[in-house]
Amino acid sequence: MKTYVFDASALFGYLQKKPSANKVNELLKQALDGRSEILMSAVNFGEIYGVILREHDKERAVTVMSALQSLPIRLVDVTPQRAFHAAEIKSKYRLYYVDSFAAALAIENKATLVTSDSDFRKLGHGFPTVWLKA
């Protein structure tokens, strides 16, 4: 079974109905059908909450996050080991720390990263990635 890791940008595109929403929706349908698994770091999930909170208000942020929890995405908690691995990736590739959690989770699970964030290009061409249109 194919495993994907969503970066926050994947869900932002989906929520904002950007061109990438169709691809994200397709991956979500695959997960619902049991043909794939979608993972997301709790850190990246929290990033979505923070942006919505900053741009709108707490009520809207809570409502959106509640709706997102019904999607077939398995949230993965941060452990000290995951935090250290993310820090190593941040240092090596000069990613933002929050982005390094998505990269670390993809590496840990031999998964394909799903993102529209061009900063992930720093990981190189050998890093399995589904590039979404921003």
C-alpha atoms as a PDB file:
ATOM      1  CA  MET A   1       0.000   0.000   0.000  1.00  0.00           C
ATOM      2  CA  LYS A   2       1.279   3.463  -0.898  1.00  0.00           C
ATOM      3  CA  THR A   3       1.871   5.865   1.974  1.00  0.00           C
ATOM      4  CA  TYR A   4       1.730   9.648   1.679  1.00  0.00           C
ATOM      5  CA  VAL A   5       2.680  12.390   4.120  1.00  0.00           C
ATOM      6  CA  PHE A   6       0.788  15.654   3.826  1.00  0.00           C
ATOM      7  CA  ASP A   7       2.560  18.907   4.499  1.00  0.00           C
ATOM      8  CA  ALA A   8       0.320  21.747   5.705  1.00  0.00           C
ATOM      9  CA  SER A   9       0.322  23.218   2.189  1.00  0.00           C
ATOM     10  CA  ALA A  10      -1.538  20.151   0.895  1.00  0.00           C
ATOM     11  CA  LEU A  11      -4.489  20.789   3.192  1.00  0.00           C
ATOM     12  CA  PHE A  12      -4.348  24.557   2.692  1.00  0.00           C
ATOM     13  CA  GLY A  13      -4.728  24.024  -1.062  1.00  0.00           C
ATOM     14  CA  TYR A  14      -7.608  21.644  -0.422  1.00  0.00           C
ATOM     15  CA  LEU A  15      -9.369  24.064   1.954  1.00  0.00           C
ATOM     16  CA  GLN A  16      -8.867  27.048  -0.331  1.00  0.00           C
ATOM     17  CA  LYS A  17     -10.018  25.105  -3.412  1.00  0.00           C
ATOM     18  CA  LYS A  18      -6.801  25.881  -5.254  1.00  0.00           C
ATOM     19  CA  PRO A  19      -5.847  23.905  -8.389  1.00  0.00           C
ATOM     20  CA  SER A  20      -4.130  21.383  -6.095  1.00  0.00           C
ATOM     21  CA  ALA A  21      -7.438  20.520  -4.383  1.00  0.00           C
ATOM     22  CA  ASN A  22      -8.318  17.972  -7.067  1.00  0.00           C
ATOM     23  CA  LYS A  23      -5.118  15.981  -6.514  1.00  0.00           C
ATOM     24  CA  VAL A  24      -5.503  16.128  -2.731  1.00  0.00           C
ATOM     25  CA  ASN A  25      -9.125  14.982  -3.057  1.00  0.00           C
ATOM     26  CA  GLU A  26      -7.978  12.082  -5.262  1.00  0.00           C
ATOM     27  CA  LEU A  27      -5.441  10.994  -2.626  1.00  0.00           C
ATOM     28  CA  LEU A  28      -8.067  11.276   0.126  1.00  0.00           C
ATOM     29  CA  LYS A  29     -10.433   9.053  -1.901  1.00  0.00           C
ATOM     30  CA  GLN A  30      -7.666   6.468  -2.322  1.00  0.00           C
ATOM     31  CA  ALA A  31      -7.185   6.446   1.451  1.00  0.00           C
ATOM     32  CA  LEU A  32     -10.937   6.084   2.044  1.00  0.00           C
ATOM     33  CA  ASP A  33     -10.949   3.112  -0.335  1.00  0.00           C
ATOM     34  CA  GLY A  34      -8.056   1.524   1.561  1.00  0.00           C
ATOM     35  CA  ARG A  35      -5.674   1.830  -1.392  1.00  0.00           C
ATOM     36  CA  SER A  36      -3.289   4.163   0.419  1.00  0.00           C
ATOM     37  CA  GLU A  37      -2.529   5.651   3.794  1.00  0.00           C
ATOM     38  CA  ILE A  38      -2.113   9.351   4.541  1.00  0.00           C
ATOM     39  CA  LEU A  39      -0.039  10.518   7.487  1.00  0.00           C
ATOM     40  CA  MET A  40       0.488  13.992   8.866  1.00  0.00           C
ATOM     41  CA  SER A  41       2.648  15.221  11.704  1.00  0.00           C
ATOM     42  CA  ALA A  42       0.721  16.789  14.557  1.00  0.00           C
ATOM     43  CA  VAL A  43       3.108  19.737  14.185  1.00  0.00           C
ATOM     44  CA  ASN A  44       2.010  20.370  10.594  1.00  0.00           C
ATOM     45  CA  PHE A  45      -1.630  19.902  11.588  1.00  0.00           C
ATOM     46  CA  GLY A  46      -1.128  22.510  14.310  1.00  0.00           C
ATOM     47  CA  GLU A  47       0.388  24.827  11.722  1.00  0.00           C
ATOM     48  CA  ILE A  48      -2.956  24.870   9.903  1.00  0.00           C
ATOM     49  CA  TYR A  49      -4.762  25.776  13.109  1.00  0.00           C
ATOM     50  CA  GLY A  50      -2.317  28.608  13.760  1.00  0.00           C
ATOM     51  CA  VAL A  51      -2.720  30.146  10.317  1.00  0.00           C
ATOM     52  CA  ILE A  52      -6.516  30.000  10.447  1.00  0.00           C
ATOM     53  CA  LEU A  53      -6.455  31.449  13.962  1.00  0.00           C
ATOM     54  CA  ARG A  54      -4.206  34.320  12.821  1.00  0.00           C
ATOM     55  CA  GLU A  55      -6.233  35.076   9.675  1.00  0.00           C
ATOM     56  CA  HIS A  56      -9.731  34.594  11.124  1.00  0.00           C
ATOM     57  CA  ASP A  57     -10.631  33.755  14.711  1.00  0.00           C
ATOM     58  CA  LYS A  58     -10.684  30.888  17.182  1.00  0.00           C
ATOM     59  CA  GLU A  59     -14.238  29.840  16.387  1.00  0.00           C
ATOM     60  CA  ARG A  60     -13.442  29.450  12.688  1.00  0.00           C
ATOM     61  CA  ALA A  61     -10.164  27.669  13.445  1.00  0.00           C
ATOM     62  CA  VAL A  62     -11.869  25.167  15.739  1.00  0.00           C
ATOM     63  CA  THR A  63     -14.648  24.552  13.202  1.00  0.00           C
ATOM     64  CA  VAL A  64     -12.230  23.922  10.332  1.00  0.00           C
ATOM     65  CA  MET A  65      -9.962  21.679  12.399  1.00  0.00           C
ATOM     66  CA  SER A  66     -12.938  19.675  13.578  1.00  0.00           C
ATOM     67  CA  ALA A  67     -13.996  19.112   9.956  1.00  0.00           C
ATOM     68  CA  LEU A  68     -10.456  18.116   8.967  1.00  0.00           C
ATOM     69  CA  GLN A  69     -10.347  15.444  11.661  1.00  0.00           C
ATOM     70  CA  SER A  70     -13.009  13.507   9.749  1.00  0.00           C
ATOM     71  CA  LEU A  71     -10.628  13.085   6.786  1.00  0.00           C
ATOM     72  CA  PRO A  72      -8.748   9.789   6.362  1.00  0.00           C
ATOM     73  CA  ILE A  73      -5.491  11.244   7.682  1.00  0.00           C
ATOM     74  CA  ARG A  74      -3.629   9.584  10.528  1.00  0.00           C
ATOM     75  CA  LEU A  75      -2.074  12.233  12.744  1.00  0.00           C
ATOM     76  CA  VAL A  76       1.320  11.225  14.110  1.00  0.00           C
ATOM     77  CA  ASP A  77       2.475  12.568  17.455  1.00  0.00           C
ATOM     78  CA  VAL A  78       5.876  14.078  18.006  1.00  0.00           C
ATOM     79  CA  THR A  79       8.267  12.045  20.121  1.00  0.00           C
ATOM     80  CA  PRO A  80      11.687  13.187  21.264  1.00  0.00           C
ATOM     81  CA  GLN A  81      13.227  10.919  18.611  1.00  0.00           C
ATOM     82  CA  ARG A  82      11.069  12.485  15.874  1.00  0.00           C
ATOM     83  CA  ALA A  83      11.926  15.978  17.117  1.00  0.00           C
ATOM     84  CA  PHE A  84      15.656  15.166  16.956  1.00  0.00           C
ATOM     85  CA  HIS A  85      15.308  13.678  13.461  1.00  0.00           C
ATOM     86  CA  ALA A  86      13.415  16.779  12.319  1.00  0.00           C
ATOM     87  CA  ALA A  87      16.158  18.979  13.788  1.00  0.00           C
ATOM     88  CA  GLU A  88      18.810  16.988  11.898  1.00  0.00           C
ATOM     89  CA  ILE A  89      16.881  17.433   8.639  1.00  0.00           C
ATOM     90  CA  LYS A  90      16.444  21.143   9.361  1.00  0.00           C
ATOM     91  CA  SER A  91      20.169  21.504   9.885  1.00  0.00           C
ATOM     92  CA  LYS A  92      21.206  19.435   6.865  1.00  0.00           C
ATOM     93  CA  TYR A  93      18.751  20.865   4.309  1.00  0.00           C
ATOM     94  CA  ARG A  94      18.091  24.298   5.814  1.00  0.00           C
ATOM     95  CA  LEU A  95      14.335  23.774   6.009  1.00  0.00           C
ATOM     96  CA  TYR A  96      12.021  25.532   8.402  1.00  0.00           C
ATOM     97  CA  TYR A  97      11.703  23.428  11.546  1.00  0.00           C
ATOM     98  CA  VAL A  98       7.962  22.866  11.038  1.00  0.00           C
ATOM     99  CA  ASP A  99       8.620  21.645   7.468  1.00  0.00           C
ATOM    100  CA  SER A 100      11.304  19.287   8.681  1.00  0.00           C
ATOM    101  CA  PHE A 101       8.664  17.326  10.622  1.00  0.00           C
ATOM    102  CA  ALA A 102       6.868  16.456   7.381  1.00  0.00           C
ATOM    103  CA  ALA A 103      10.159  15.427   5.751  1.00  0.00           C
ATOM    104  CA  ALA A 104      11.193  13.352   8.767  1.00  0.00           C
ATOM    105  CA  LEU A 105       7.819  11.587   8.846  1.00  0.00           C
ATOM    106  CA  ALA A 106       8.096  10.780   5.142  1.00  0.00           C
ATOM    107  CA  ILE A 107      11.575   9.344   5.637  1.00  0.00           C
ATOM    108  CA  GLU A 108      10.527   7.353   8.712  1.00  0.00           C
ATOM    109  CA  ASN A 109       7.617   5.758   6.831  1.00  0.00           C
ATOM    110  CA  LYS A 110       9.267   5.475   3.398  1.00  0.00           C
ATOM    111  CA  ALA A 111       6.398   7.645   2.185  1.00  0.00           C
ATOM    112  CA  THR A 112       5.836  10.177  -0.560  1.00  0.00           C
ATOM    113  CA  LEU A 113       5.615  13.779   0.582  1.00  0.00           C
ATOM    114  CA  VAL A 114       2.643  15.776  -0.749  1.00  0.00           C
ATOM    115  CA  THR A 115       3.309  19.515  -0.871  1.00  0.00           C
ATOM    116  CA  SER A 116       3.233  22.737  -2.852  1.00  0.00           C
ATOM    117  CA  ASP A 117       6.040  24.264  -0.769  1.00  0.00           C
ATOM    118  CA  SER A 118       9.067  24.823  -3.008  1.00  0.00           C
ATOM    119  CA  ASP A 119      11.387  24.797   0.030  1.00  0.00           C
ATOM    120  CA  PHE A 120      11.189  21.002  -0.096  1.00  0.00           C
ATOM    121  CA  ARG A 121      13.157  21.082  -3.370  1.00  0.00           C
ATOM    122  CA  LYS A 122      16.204  21.380  -1.082  1.00  0.00           C
ATOM    123  CA  LEU A 123      15.746  17.671  -0.329  1.00  0.00           C
ATOM    124  CA  GLY A 124      16.820  16.799  -3.870  1.00  0.00           C
ATOM    125  CA  HIS A 125      15.369  14.943  -6.830  1.00  0.00           C
ATOM    126  CA  GLY A 126      15.636  11.533  -5.154  1.00  0.00           C
ATOM    127  CA  PHE A 127      13.131  12.465  -2.451  1.00  0.00           C
ATOM    128  CA  PRO A 128       9.707  11.033  -3.432  1.00  0.00           C
ATOM    129  CA  THR A 129       7.346  13.974  -3.710  1.00  0.00           C
ATOM    130  CA  VAL A 130       3.970  14.749  -5.234  1.00  0.00           C
ATOM    131  CA  TRP A 131       4.276  18.403  -6.230  1.00  0.00           C
ATOM    132  CA  LEU A 132       1.012  20.290  -6.040  1.00  0.00           C
ATOM    133  CA  LYS A 133       0.261  23.474  -7.954  1.00  0.00           C
ATOM    134  CA  ALA A 134       0.380  26.388  -5.540  1.00  0.00           C
END
